[in-house]
């Protein structure tokens, strides 16, 4: 079984920065992709950013130009650096992991609240 534990969420003022981390543990197969999704109240879950095993990143429109995703394959960890945060970035941020056999795992989420 694979467990994903997110950290780094919290309350931040608009314009500030936060860095989210997600560590995978357990019976970890080779990880293909790791990423971050978010879900705001009353809205669907959306892609924030994802990164392949080789380091190729992909960003959702909500993140382009402000957020940066990175990963440490040796530590089974993915990071999300979020800058210039806006109140509309308020959401629960979920870590996602996809294996090379396309098994899909999710963390329980970390809440980010951006005040105006």
PDB file of N, CA and C in Angstrom:
ATOM      1  N   UNK A   1       0.846  -1.192   0.000  1.00  0.00           N
ATOM      2  CA  UNK A   1       0.000   0.000   0.000  1.00  0.00           C
ATOM      3  C   UNK A   1       0.879   1.238   0.000  1.00  0.00           C
ATOM      4  N   UNK A   2       0.395   2.279  -0.649  1.00  0.00           N
ATOM      5  CA  UNK A   2       1.126   3.538  -0.753  1.00  0.00           C
ATOM      6  C   UNK A   2       0.387   4.604   0.057  1.00  0.00           C
ATOM      7  N   UNK A   3       1.127   5.335   0.843  1.00  0.00           N
ATOM      8  CA  UNK A   3       0.557   6.456   1.583  1.00  0.00           C
ATOM      9  C   UNK A   3       1.206   7.749   1.098  1.00  0.00           C
ATOM     10  N   UNK A   4       0.391   8.770   0.951  1.00  0.00           N
ATOM     11  CA  UNK A   4       0.856  10.101   0.578  1.00  0.00           C
ATOM     12  C   UNK A   4       0.488  11.058   1.698  1.00  0.00           C
ATOM     13  N   UNK A   5       1.476  11.788   2.183  1.00  0.00           N
ATOM     14  CA  UNK A   5       1.236  12.731   3.269  1.00  0.00           C
ATOM     15  C   UNK A   5       1.665  14.113   2.822  1.00  0.00           C
ATOM     16  N   UNK A   6       0.681  15.024   2.768  1.00  0.00           N
ATOM     17  CA  UNK A   6       0.956  16.407   2.387  1.00  0.00           C
ATOM     18  C   UNK A   6       1.234  17.249   3.624  1.00  0.00           C
ATOM     19  N   UNK A   7       2.004  18.298   3.429  1.00  0.00           N
ATOM     20  CA  UNK A   7       2.250  19.266   4.489  1.00  0.00           C
ATOM     21  C   UNK A   7       2.523  20.617   3.864  1.00  0.00           C
ATOM     22  N   UNK A   8       2.463  21.653   4.689  1.00  0.00           N
ATOM     23  CA  UNK A   8       2.815  22.987   4.232  1.00  0.00           C
ATOM     24  C   UNK A   8       1.655  23.920   4.010  1.00  0.00           C
ATOM     25  N   UNK A   9       0.447  23.421   4.125  1.00  0.00           N
ATOM     26  CA  UNK A   9      -0.702  24.300   3.964  1.00  0.00           C
ATOM     27  C   UNK A   9      -0.873  25.211   5.169  1.00  0.00           C
ATOM     28  N   UNK A  10      -1.803  26.148   5.045  1.00  0.00           N
ATOM     29  CA  UNK A  10      -2.058  27.051   6.154  1.00  0.00           C
ATOM     30  C   UNK A  10      -2.734  28.309   5.688  1.00  0.00           C
ATOM     31  N   UNK A  11      -2.759  29.289   6.567  1.00  0.00           N
ATOM     32  CA  UNK A  11      -3.370  30.588   6.289  1.00  0.00           C
ATOM     33  C   UNK A  11      -2.283  31.573   5.887  1.00  0.00           C
ATOM     34  N   UNK A  12      -2.502  32.251   4.778  1.00  0.00           N
ATOM     35  CA  UNK A  12      -1.513  33.186   4.270  1.00  0.00           C
ATOM     36  C   UNK A  12      -2.237  34.388   3.686  1.00  0.00           C
ATOM     37  N   UNK A  13      -1.618  35.537   3.770  1.00  0.00           N
ATOM     38  CA  UNK A  13      -2.201  36.731   3.175  1.00  0.00           C
ATOM     39  C   UNK A  13      -1.976  36.750   1.666  1.00  0.00           C
ATOM     40  N   UNK A  14      -2.866  37.386   0.968  1.00  0.00           N
ATOM     41  CA  UNK A  14      -2.707  37.528  -0.478  1.00  0.00           C
ATOM     42  C   UNK A  14      -1.360  38.157  -0.809  1.00  0.00           C
ATOM     43  N   UNK A  15      -0.734  37.627  -1.848  1.00  0.00           N
ATOM     44  CA  UNK A  15       0.591  38.080  -2.239  1.00  0.00           C
ATOM     45  C   UNK A  15       1.723  37.284  -1.615  1.00  0.00           C
ATOM     46  N   UNK A  16       1.397  36.467  -0.633  1.00  0.00           N
ATOM     47  CA  UNK A  16       2.412  35.675   0.039  1.00  0.00           C
ATOM     48  C   UNK A  16       2.750  34.395  -0.692  1.00  0.00           C
ATOM     49  N   UNK A  17       3.616  33.599  -0.061  1.00  0.00           N
ATOM     50  CA  UNK A  17       4.093  32.351  -0.661  1.00  0.00           C
ATOM     51  C   UNK A  17       3.963  31.208   0.326  1.00  0.00           C
ATOM     52  N   UNK A  18       3.749  30.034  -0.222  1.00  0.00           N
ATOM     53  CA  UNK A  18       3.745  28.805   0.556  1.00  0.00           C
ATOM     54  C   UNK A  18       4.440  27.718  -0.241  1.00  0.00           C
ATOM     55  N   UNK A  19       5.012  26.758   0.461  1.00  0.00           N
ATOM     56  CA  UNK A  19       5.615  25.605  -0.191  1.00  0.00           C
ATOM     57  C   UNK A  19       4.966  24.345   0.368  1.00  0.00           C
ATOM     58  N   UNK A  20       4.316  23.622  -0.496  1.00  0.00           N
ATOM     59  CA  UNK A  20       3.709  22.357  -0.111  1.00  0.00           C
ATOM     60  C   UNK A  20       4.677  21.216  -0.385  1.00  0.00           C
ATOM     61  N   UNK A  21       4.610  20.206   0.470  1.00  0.00           N
ATOM     62  CA  UNK A  21       5.416  19.007   0.285  1.00  0.00           C
ATOM     63  C   UNK A  21       4.518  17.780   0.371  1.00  0.00           C
ATOM     64  N   UNK A  22       4.906  16.745  -0.326  1.00  0.00           N
ATOM     65  CA  UNK A  22       4.175  15.484  -0.279  1.00  0.00           C
ATOM     66  C   UNK A  22       5.193  14.355  -0.319  1.00  0.00           C
ATOM     67  N   UNK A  23       5.131  13.505   0.687  1.00  0.00           N
ATOM     68  CA  UNK A  23       6.043  12.371   0.771  1.00  0.00           C
ATOM     69  C   UNK A  23       5.259  11.078   0.586  1.00  0.00           C
ATOM     70  N   UNK A  24       5.761  10.232  -0.282  1.00  0.00           N
ATOM     71  CA  UNK A  24       5.161   8.914  -0.498  1.00  0.00           C
ATOM     72  C   UNK A  24       5.910   7.888   0.334  1.00  0.00           C
ATOM     73  N   UNK A  25       5.151   7.000   0.966  1.00  0.00           N
ATOM     74  CA  UNK A  25       5.772   5.948   1.769  1.00  0.00           C
ATOM     75  C   UNK A  25       4.982   4.660   1.593  1.00  0.00           C
ATOM     76  N   UNK A  26       5.527   3.592   2.128  1.00  0.00           N
ATOM     77  CA  UNK A  26       4.869   2.294   2.019  1.00  0.00           C
ATOM     78  C   UNK A  26       5.524   1.448   0.959  1.00  0.00           C
ATOM     79  N   UNK A  27       4.735   0.576   0.361  1.00  0.00           N
ATOM     80  CA  UNK A  27       5.247  -0.306  -0.693  1.00  0.00           C
ATOM     81  C   UNK A  27       5.224   0.455  -2.019  1.00  0.00           C
ATOM     82  N   UNK A  28       6.244   1.245  -2.218  1.00  0.00           N
ATOM     83  CA  UNK A  28       6.240   2.189  -3.334  1.00  0.00           C
ATOM     84  C   UNK A  28       6.824   1.528  -4.579  1.00  0.00           C
ATOM     85  N   UNK A  29       6.024   1.431  -5.626  1.00  0.00           N
ATOM     86  CA  UNK A  29       6.583   0.975  -6.898  1.00  0.00           C
ATOM     87  C   UNK A  29       7.322   2.142  -7.563  1.00  0.00           C
ATOM     88  N   UNK A  30       7.810   1.908  -8.734  1.00  0.00           N
ATOM     89  CA  UNK A  30       8.451   3.024  -9.448  1.00  0.00           C
ATOM     90  C   UNK A  30       7.376   4.032  -9.815  1.00  0.00           C
ATOM     91  N   UNK A  31       7.623   5.266  -9.443  1.00  0.00           N
ATOM     92  CA  UNK A  31       6.633   6.323  -9.614  1.00  0.00           C
ATOM     93  C   UNK A  31       6.788   6.946 -10.987  1.00  0.00           C
ATOM     94  N   UNK A  32       5.702   7.015 -11.713  1.00  0.00           N
ATOM     95  CA  UNK A  32       5.724   7.653 -13.030  1.00  0.00           C
ATOM     96  C   UNK A  32       5.543   9.167 -12.894  1.00  0.00           C
ATOM     97  N   UNK A  33       4.392   9.563 -12.427  1.00  0.00           N
ATOM     98  CA  UNK A  33       4.073  10.987 -12.303  1.00  0.00           C
ATOM     99  C   UNK A  33       3.713  11.302 -10.857  1.00  0.00           C
ATOM    100  N   UNK A  34       4.029  12.518 -10.446  1.00  0.00           N
ATOM    101  CA  UNK A  34       3.542  13.049  -9.182  1.00  0.00           C
ATOM    102  C   UNK A  34       2.955  14.418  -9.470  1.00  0.00           C
ATOM    103  N   UNK A  35       1.974  14.786  -8.694  1.00  0.00           N
ATOM    104  CA  UNK A  35       1.349  16.063  -8.992  1.00  0.00           C
ATOM    105  C   UNK A  35       0.496  16.593  -7.863  1.00  0.00           C
ATOM    106  N   UNK A  36      -0.043  17.758  -8.126  1.00  0.00           N
ATOM    107  CA  UNK A  36      -0.919  18.438  -7.179  1.00  0.00           C
ATOM    108  C   UNK A  36      -2.220  18.814  -7.886  1.00  0.00           C
ATOM    109  N   UNK A  37      -3.301  18.554  -7.208  1.00  0.00           N
ATOM    110  CA  UNK A  37      -4.623  18.990  -7.633  1.00  0.00           C
ATOM    111  C   UNK A  37      -5.217  19.792  -6.490  1.00  0.00           C
ATOM    112  N   UNK A  38      -6.243  20.560  -6.805  1.00  0.00           N
ATOM    113  CA  UNK A  38      -6.911  21.304  -5.739  1.00  0.00           C
ATOM    114  C   UNK A  38      -8.412  21.295  -5.951  1.00  0.00           C
ATOM    115  N   UNK A  39      -9.100  21.464  -4.841  1.00  0.00           N
ATOM    116  CA  UNK A  39     -10.559  21.532  -4.901  1.00  0.00           C
ATOM    117  C   UNK A  39     -11.046  22.605  -3.956  1.00  0.00           C
ATOM    118  N   UNK A  40     -11.688  23.606  -4.517  1.00  0.00           N
ATOM    119  CA  UNK A  40     -12.285  24.676  -3.732  1.00  0.00           C
ATOM    120  C   UNK A  40     -13.732  24.308  -3.417  1.00  0.00           C
ATOM    121  N   UNK A  41     -14.301  24.906  -2.372  1.00  0.00           N
ATOM    122  CA  UNK A  41     -15.691  24.595  -2.027  1.00  0.00           C
ATOM    123  C   UNK A  41     -16.644  24.834  -3.194  1.00  0.00           C
ATOM    124  N   UNK A  42     -17.450  23.836  -3.498  1.00  0.00           N
ATOM    125  CA  UNK A  42     -18.428  23.962  -4.565  1.00  0.00           C
ATOM    126  C   UNK A  42     -17.876  23.827  -5.963  1.00  0.00           C
ATOM    127  N   UNK A  43     -16.584  23.501  -6.073  1.00  0.00           N
ATOM    128  CA  UNK A  43     -15.972  23.389  -7.397  1.00  0.00           C
ATOM    129  C   UNK A  43     -15.396  21.987  -7.594  1.00  0.00           C
ATOM    130  N   UNK A  44     -15.126  21.667  -8.857  1.00  0.00           N
ATOM    131  CA  UNK A  44     -14.520  20.376  -9.170  1.00  0.00           C
ATOM    132  C   UNK A  44     -13.026  20.404  -8.888  1.00  0.00           C
ATOM    133  N   UNK A  45     -12.481  19.230  -8.653  1.00  0.00           N
ATOM    134  CA  UNK A  45     -11.039  19.123  -8.474  1.00  0.00           C
ATOM    135  C   UNK A  45     -10.354  19.467  -9.800  1.00  0.00           C
ATOM    136  N   UNK A  46      -9.271  20.250  -9.717  1.00  0.00           N
ATOM    137  CA  UNK A  46      -8.569  20.657 -10.922  1.00  0.00           C
ATOM    138  C   UNK A  46      -7.068  20.439 -10.771  1.00  0.00           C
ATOM    139  N   UNK A  47      -6.443  20.251 -11.917  1.00  0.00           N
ATOM    140  CA  UNK A  47      -4.996  20.090 -11.937  1.00  0.00           C
ATOM    141  C   UNK A  47      -4.330  21.417 -11.591  1.00  0.00           C
ATOM    142  N   UNK A  48      -3.367  21.336 -10.684  1.00  0.00           N
ATOM    143  CA  UNK A  48      -2.507  22.484 -10.421  1.00  0.00           C
ATOM    144  C   UNK A  48      -1.202  22.307 -11.193  1.00  0.00           C
ATOM    145  N   UNK A  49      -0.527  21.192 -10.950  1.00  0.00           N
ATOM    146  CA  UNK A  49       0.733  20.912 -11.630  1.00  0.00           C
ATOM    147  C   UNK A  49       1.064  19.436 -11.483  1.00  0.00           C
ATOM    148  N   UNK A  50       1.800  18.926 -12.459  1.00  0.00           N
ATOM    149  CA  UNK A  50       2.257  17.546 -12.413  1.00  0.00           C
ATOM    150  C   UNK A  50       3.658  17.481 -12.987  1.00  0.00           C
ATOM    151  N   UNK A  51       4.398  16.450 -12.596  1.00  0.00           N
ATOM    152  CA  UNK A  51       5.773  16.315 -13.057  1.00  0.00           C
ATOM    153  C   UNK A  51       6.078  14.843 -13.269  1.00  0.00           C
ATOM    154  N   UNK A  52       6.726  14.542 -14.381  1.00  0.00           N
ATOM    155  CA  UNK A  52       7.043  13.159 -14.717  1.00  0.00           C
ATOM    156  C   UNK A  52       8.296  12.698 -13.989  1.00  0.00           C
ATOM    157  N   UNK A  53       8.561  11.406 -14.093  1.00  0.00           N
ATOM    158  CA  UNK A  53       9.768  10.838 -13.488  1.00  0.00           C
ATOM    159  C   UNK A  53      11.009  11.520 -14.032  1.00  0.00           C
ATOM    160  N   UNK A  54      10.960  11.909 -15.296  1.00  0.00           N
ATOM    161  CA  UNK A  54      12.109  12.559 -15.917  1.00  0.00           C
ATOM    162  C   UNK A  54      12.189  14.053 -15.681  1.00  0.00           C
ATOM    163  N   UNK A  55      11.203  14.592 -14.978  1.00  0.00           N
ATOM    164  CA  UNK A  55      11.277  16.005 -14.622  1.00  0.00           C
ATOM    165  C   UNK A  55      10.527  16.949 -15.553  1.00  0.00           C
ATOM    166  N   UNK A  56       9.718  16.407 -16.459  1.00  0.00           N
ATOM    167  CA  UNK A  56       8.926  17.274 -17.327  1.00  0.00           C
ATOM    168  C   UNK A  56       7.671  17.694 -16.571  1.00  0.00           C
ATOM    169  N   UNK A  57       7.432  18.986 -16.512  1.00  0.00           N
ATOM    170  CA  UNK A  57       6.314  19.502 -15.727  1.00  0.00           C
ATOM    171  C   UNK A  57       5.183  20.007 -16.618  1.00  0.00           C
ATOM    172  N   UNK A  58       4.005  19.986 -16.052  1.00  0.00           N
ATOM    173  CA  UNK A  58       2.805  20.445 -16.741  1.00  0.00           C
ATOM    174  C   UNK A  58       1.983  21.213 -15.726  1.00  0.00           C
ATOM    175  N   UNK A  59       1.491  22.393 -16.126  1.00  0.00           N
ATOM    176  CA  UNK A  59       0.769  23.248 -15.191  1.00  0.00           C
ATOM    177  C   UNK A  59      -0.658  23.503 -15.667  1.00  0.00           C
ATOM    178  N   UNK A  60      -1.551  23.540 -14.700  1.00  0.00           N
ATOM    179  CA  UNK A  60      -2.895  24.001 -14.997  1.00  0.00           C
ATOM    180  C   UNK A  60      -2.896  25.509 -15.160  1.00  0.00           C
ATOM    181  N   UNK A  61      -3.933  26.029 -15.781  1.00  0.00           N
ATOM    182  CA  UNK A  61      -4.006  27.464 -16.018  1.00  0.00           C
ATOM    183  C   UNK A  61      -3.935  28.259 -14.710  1.00  0.00           C
ATOM    184  N   UNK A  62      -4.419  27.677 -13.633  1.00  0.00           N
ATOM    185  CA  UNK A  62      -4.444  28.389 -12.346  1.00  0.00           C
ATOM    186  C   UNK A  62      -3.052  28.613 -11.793  1.00  0.00           C
ATOM    187  N   UNK A  63      -2.076  27.850 -12.300  1.00  0.00           N
ATOM    188  CA  UNK A  63      -0.748  27.873 -11.699  1.00  0.00           C
ATOM    189  C   UNK A  63       0.313  28.554 -12.556  1.00  0.00           C
ATOM    190  N   UNK A  64       0.026  28.714 -13.823  1.00  0.00           N
ATOM    191  CA  UNK A  64       1.065  29.182 -14.755  1.00  0.00           C
ATOM    192  C   UNK A  64       1.597  30.545 -14.352  1.00  0.00           C
ATOM    193  N   UNK A  65       2.908  30.617 -14.262  1.00  0.00           N
ATOM    194  CA  UNK A  65       3.579  31.868 -13.952  1.00  0.00           C
ATOM    195  C   UNK A  65       3.726  32.166 -12.475  1.00  0.00           C
ATOM    196  N   UNK A  66       3.046  31.387 -11.619  1.00  0.00           N
ATOM    197  CA  UNK A  66       3.107  31.674 -10.184  1.00  0.00           C
ATOM    198  C   UNK A  66       3.591  30.482  -9.360  1.00  0.00           C
ATOM    199  N   UNK A  67       3.295  29.285  -9.803  1.00  0.00           N
ATOM    200  CA  UNK A  67       3.640  28.085  -9.036  1.00  0.00           C
ATOM    201  C   UNK A  67       4.733  27.303  -9.757  1.00  0.00           C
ATOM    202  N   UNK A  68       5.539  26.599  -8.964  1.00  0.00           N
ATOM    203  CA  UNK A  68       6.584  25.745  -9.526  1.00  0.00           C
ATOM    204  C   UNK A  68       6.550  24.389  -8.844  1.00  0.00           C
ATOM    205  N   UNK A  69       6.507  23.348  -9.643  1.00  0.00           N
ATOM    206  CA  UNK A  69       6.532  21.991  -9.105  1.00  0.00           C
ATOM    207  C   UNK A  69       7.920  21.403  -9.260  1.00  0.00           C
ATOM    208  N   UNK A  70       8.328  20.615  -8.283  1.00  0.00           N
ATOM    209  CA  UNK A  70       9.604  19.916  -8.364  1.00  0.00           C
ATOM    210  C   UNK A  70       9.474  18.592  -7.615  1.00  0.00           C
ATOM    211  N   UNK A  71      10.413  17.693  -7.853  1.00  0.00           N
ATOM    212  CA  UNK A  71      10.354  16.410  -7.158  1.00  0.00           C
ATOM    213  C   UNK A  71      11.748  15.895  -6.866  1.00  0.00           C
ATOM    214  N   UNK A  72      11.819  15.077  -5.844  1.00  0.00           N
ATOM    215  CA  UNK A  72      13.052  14.406  -5.465  1.00  0.00           C
ATOM    216  C   UNK A  72      12.761  12.917  -5.561  1.00  0.00           C
ATOM    217  N   UNK A  73      13.212  12.299  -6.626  1.00  0.00           N
ATOM    218  CA  UNK A  73      12.891  10.887  -6.847  1.00  0.00           C
ATOM    219  C   UNK A  73      13.489   9.992  -5.764  1.00  0.00           C
ATOM    220  N   UNK A  74      14.659  10.348  -5.288  1.00  0.00           N
ATOM    221  CA  UNK A  74      15.308   9.528  -4.266  1.00  0.00           C
ATOM    222  C   UNK A  74      14.519   9.544  -2.960  1.00  0.00           C
ATOM    223  N   UNK A  75      13.835  10.645  -2.692  1.00  0.00           N
ATOM    224  CA  UNK A  75      13.063  10.794  -1.456  1.00  0.00           C
ATOM    225  C   UNK A  75      11.567  10.590  -1.674  1.00  0.00           C
ATOM    226  N   UNK A  76      11.171  10.226  -2.883  1.00  0.00           N
ATOM    227  CA  UNK A  76       9.746  10.032  -3.199  1.00  0.00           C
ATOM    228  C   UNK A  76       8.905  11.220  -2.746  1.00  0.00           C
ATOM    229  N   UNK A  77       9.406  12.397  -3.048  1.00  0.00           N
ATOM    230  CA  UNK A  77       8.784  13.637  -2.564  1.00  0.00           C
ATOM    231  C   UNK A  77       8.522  14.572  -3.727  1.00  0.00           C
ATOM    232  N   UNK A  78       7.394  15.251  -3.658  1.00  0.00           N
ATOM    233  CA  UNK A  78       7.078  16.278  -4.640  1.00  0.00           C
ATOM    234  C   UNK A  78       6.760  17.566  -3.890  1.00  0.00           C
ATOM    235  N   UNK A  79       7.168  18.680  -4.482  1.00  0.00           N
ATOM    236  CA  UNK A  79       6.986  19.986  -3.861  1.00  0.00           C
ATOM    237  C   UNK A  79       6.168  20.880  -4.787  1.00  0.00           C
ATOM    238  N   UNK A  80       5.508  21.827  -4.174  1.00  0.00           N
ATOM    239  CA  UNK A  80       4.811  22.863  -4.936  1.00  0.00           C
ATOM    240  C   UNK A  80       5.117  24.209  -4.291  1.00  0.00           C
ATOM    241  N   UNK A  81       5.895  25.010  -4.977  1.00  0.00           N
ATOM    242  CA  UNK A  81       6.187  26.369  -4.521  1.00  0.00           C
ATOM    243  C   UNK A  81       5.126  27.291  -5.098  1.00  0.00           C
ATOM    244  N   UNK A  82       4.395  27.941  -4.232  1.00  0.00           N
ATOM    245  CA  UNK A  82       3.309  28.815  -4.654  1.00  0.00           C
ATOM    246  C   UNK A  82       3.630  30.255  -4.273  1.00  0.00           C
ATOM    247  N   UNK A  83       3.721  31.109  -5.268  1.00  0.00           N
ATOM    248  CA  UNK A  83       4.022  32.522  -5.054  1.00  0.00           C
ATOM    249  C   UNK A  83       2.851  33.380  -5.501  1.00  0.00           C
ATOM    250  N   UNK A  84       2.851  34.621  -5.051  1.00  0.00           N
ATOM    251  CA  UNK A  84       1.806  35.580  -5.437  1.00  0.00           C
ATOM    252  C   UNK A  84       0.417  34.987  -5.241  1.00  0.00           C
ATOM    253  N   UNK A  85       0.196  34.435  -4.085  1.00  0.00           N
ATOM    254  CA  UNK A  85      -1.076  33.760  -3.821  1.00  0.00           C
ATOM    255  C   UNK A  85      -2.235  34.748  -3.816  1.00  0.00           C
ATOM    256  N   UNK A  86      -3.373  34.260  -4.289  1.00  0.00           N
ATOM    257  CA  UNK A  86      -4.586  35.055  -4.379  1.00  0.00           C
ATOM    258  C   UNK A  86      -5.694  34.388  -3.558  1.00  0.00           C
ATOM    259  N   UNK A  87      -6.690  35.143  -3.145  1.00  0.00           N
ATOM    260  CA  UNK A  87      -7.802  34.517  -2.409  1.00  0.00           C
ATOM    261  C   UNK A  87      -8.446  33.364  -3.184  1.00  0.00           C
ATOM    262  N   UNK A  88      -8.469  33.455  -4.501  1.00  0.00           N
ATOM    263  CA  UNK A  88      -9.063  32.381  -5.299  1.00  0.00           C
ATOM    264  C   UNK A  88      -8.223  31.104  -5.320  1.00  0.00           C
ATOM    265  N   UNK A  89      -7.024  31.164  -4.748  1.00  0.00           N
ATOM    266  CA  UNK A  89      -6.215  29.951  -4.602  1.00  0.00           C
ATOM    267  C   UNK A  89      -6.629  29.137  -3.372  1.00  0.00           C
ATOM    268  N   UNK A  90      -7.534  29.680  -2.592  1.00  0.00           N
ATOM    269  CA  UNK A  90      -8.013  28.963  -1.414  1.00  0.00           C
ATOM    270  C   UNK A  90      -8.674  27.655  -1.819  1.00  0.00           C
ATOM    271  N   UNK A  91      -8.166  26.554  -1.265  1.00  0.00           N
ATOM    272  CA  UNK A  91      -8.660  25.229  -1.643  1.00  0.00           C
ATOM    273  C   UNK A  91      -7.946  24.182  -0.801  1.00  0.00           C
ATOM    274  N   UNK A  92      -8.446  22.965  -0.886  1.00  0.00           N
ATOM    275  CA  UNK A  92      -7.700  21.825  -0.370  1.00  0.00           C
ATOM    276  C   UNK A  92      -6.814  21.318  -1.492  1.00  0.00           C
ATOM    277  N   UNK A  93      -5.548  21.193  -1.219  1.00  0.00           N
ATOM    278  CA  UNK A  93      -4.573  20.749  -2.215  1.00  0.00           C
ATOM    279  C   UNK A  93      -4.243  19.276  -1.962  1.00  0.00           C
ATOM    280  N   UNK A  94      -4.398  18.483  -3.001  1.00  0.00           N
ATOM    281  CA  UNK A  94      -4.195  17.048  -2.913  1.00  0.00           C
ATOM    282  C   UNK A  94      -2.972  16.612  -3.706  1.00  0.00           C
ATOM    283  N   UNK A  95      -2.201  15.749  -3.104  1.00  0.00           N
ATOM    284  CA  UNK A  95      -1.061  15.141  -3.781  1.00  0.00           C
ATOM    285  C   UNK A  95      -1.546  13.906  -4.536  1.00  0.00           C
ATOM    286  N   UNK A  96      -0.979  13.699  -5.711  1.00  0.00           N
ATOM    287  CA  UNK A  96      -1.341  12.569  -6.557  1.00  0.00           C
ATOM    288  C   UNK A  96      -0.095  11.859  -7.034  1.00  0.00           C
ATOM    289  N   UNK A  97      -0.197  10.547  -7.117  1.00  0.00           N
ATOM    290  CA  UNK A  97       0.927   9.724  -7.581  1.00  0.00           C
ATOM    291  C   UNK A  97       0.388   8.706  -8.578  1.00  0.00           C
ATOM    292  N   UNK A  98       1.071   8.557  -9.681  1.00  0.00           N
ATOM    293  CA  UNK A  98       0.705   7.568 -10.700  1.00  0.00           C
ATOM    294  C   UNK A  98       1.915   6.687 -10.955  1.00  0.00           C
ATOM    295  N   UNK A  99       1.698   5.380 -10.929  1.00  0.00           N
ATOM    296  CA  UNK A  99       2.801   4.457 -11.168  1.00  0.00           C
ATOM    297  C   UNK A  99       2.903   4.110 -12.655  1.00  0.00           C
ATOM    298  N   UNK A 100       3.953   3.388 -12.996  1.00  0.00           N
ATOM    299  CA  UNK A 100       4.121   2.969 -14.393  1.00  0.00           C
ATOM    300  C   UNK A 100       3.108   1.898 -14.798  1.00  0.00           C
ATOM    301  N   UNK A 101       2.404   1.318 -13.828  1.00  0.00           N
ATOM    302  CA  UNK A 101       1.287   0.417 -14.146  1.00  0.00           C
ATOM    303  C   UNK A 101      -0.038   1.180 -14.069  1.00  0.00           C
ATOM    304  N   UNK A 102       0.058   2.501 -13.960  1.00  0.00           N
ATOM    305  CA  UNK A 102      -1.092   3.403 -13.962  1.00  0.00           C
ATOM    306  C   UNK A 102      -2.001   3.230 -12.759  1.00  0.00           C
ATOM    307  N   UNK A 103      -1.467   2.719 -11.660  1.00  0.00           N
ATOM    308  CA  UNK A 103      -2.183   2.786 -10.391  1.00  0.00           C
ATOM    309  C   UNK A 103      -2.147   4.232  -9.911  1.00  0.00           C
ATOM    310  N   UNK A 104      -3.233   4.665  -9.297  1.00  0.00           N
ATOM    311  CA  UNK A 104      -3.414   6.079  -8.949  1.00  0.00           C
ATOM    312  C   UNK A 104      -3.630   6.193  -7.439  1.00  0.00           C
ATOM    313  N   UNK A 105      -2.860   7.057  -6.793  1.00  0.00           N
ATOM    314  CA  UNK A 105      -2.980   7.235  -5.355  1.00  0.00           C
ATOM    315  C   UNK A 105      -3.169   8.714  -5.026  1.00  0.00           C
ATOM    316  N   UNK A 106      -3.910   8.962  -3.928  1.00  0.00           N
ATOM    317  CA  UNK A 106      -4.181  10.329  -3.494  1.00  0.00           C
ATOM    318  C   UNK A 106      -3.861  10.498  -2.017  1.00  0.00           C
ATOM    319  N   UNK A 107      -3.379  11.688  -1.672  1.00  0.00           N
ATOM    320  CA  UNK A 107      -3.245  12.043  -0.285  1.00  0.00           C
ATOM    321  C   UNK A 107      -4.575  12.544   0.264  1.00  0.00           C
ATOM    322  N   UNK A 108      -4.589  12.844   1.555  1.00  0.00           N
ATOM    323  CA  UNK A 108      -5.825  13.307   2.194  1.00  0.00           C
ATOM    324  C   UNK A 108      -6.035  14.802   2.022  1.00  0.00           C
ATOM    325  N   UNK A 109      -5.006  15.501   1.577  1.00  0.00           N
ATOM    326  CA  UNK A 109      -5.136  16.922   1.294  1.00  0.00           C
ATOM    327  C   UNK A 109      -4.622  17.814   2.401  1.00  0.00           C
ATOM    328  N   UNK A 110      -4.221  19.013   1.991  1.00  0.00           N
ATOM    329  CA  UNK A 110      -3.815  20.040   2.940  1.00  0.00           C
ATOM    330  C   UNK A 110      -4.524  21.339   2.550  1.00  0.00           C
ATOM    331  N   UNK A 111      -5.061  22.022   3.532  1.00  0.00           N
ATOM    332  CA  UNK A 111      -5.861  23.213   3.268  1.00  0.00           C
ATOM    333  C   UNK A 111      -4.976  24.443   3.141  1.00  0.00           C
ATOM    334  N   UNK A 112      -5.186  25.174   2.077  1.00  0.00           N
ATOM    335  CA  UNK A 112      -4.547  26.469   1.867  1.00  0.00           C
ATOM    336  C   UNK A 112      -5.639  27.530   1.871  1.00  0.00           C
ATOM    337  N   UNK A 113      -5.483  28.500   2.751  1.00  0.00           N
ATOM    338  CA  UNK A 113      -6.444  29.594   2.845  1.00  0.00           C
ATOM    339  C   UNK A 113      -5.700  30.900   2.616  1.00  0.00           C
ATOM    340  N   UNK A 114      -6.133  31.657   1.617  1.00  0.00           N
ATOM    341  CA  UNK A 114      -5.495  32.918   1.291  1.00  0.00           C
ATOM    342  C   UNK A 114      -6.461  34.045   1.636  1.00  0.00           C
ATOM    343  N   UNK A 115      -6.053  34.888   2.541  1.00  0.00           N
ATOM    344  CA  UNK A 115      -6.921  35.990   2.960  1.00  0.00           C
ATOM    345  C   UNK A 115      -6.613  37.248   2.154  1.00  0.00           C
ATOM    346  N   UNK A 116      -7.638  38.040   1.966  1.00  0.00           N
ATOM    347  CA  UNK A 116      -7.474  39.276   1.168  1.00  0.00           C
ATOM    348  C   UNK A 116      -7.066  40.448   2.031  1.00  0.00           C
TER     349      UNK A 116
END
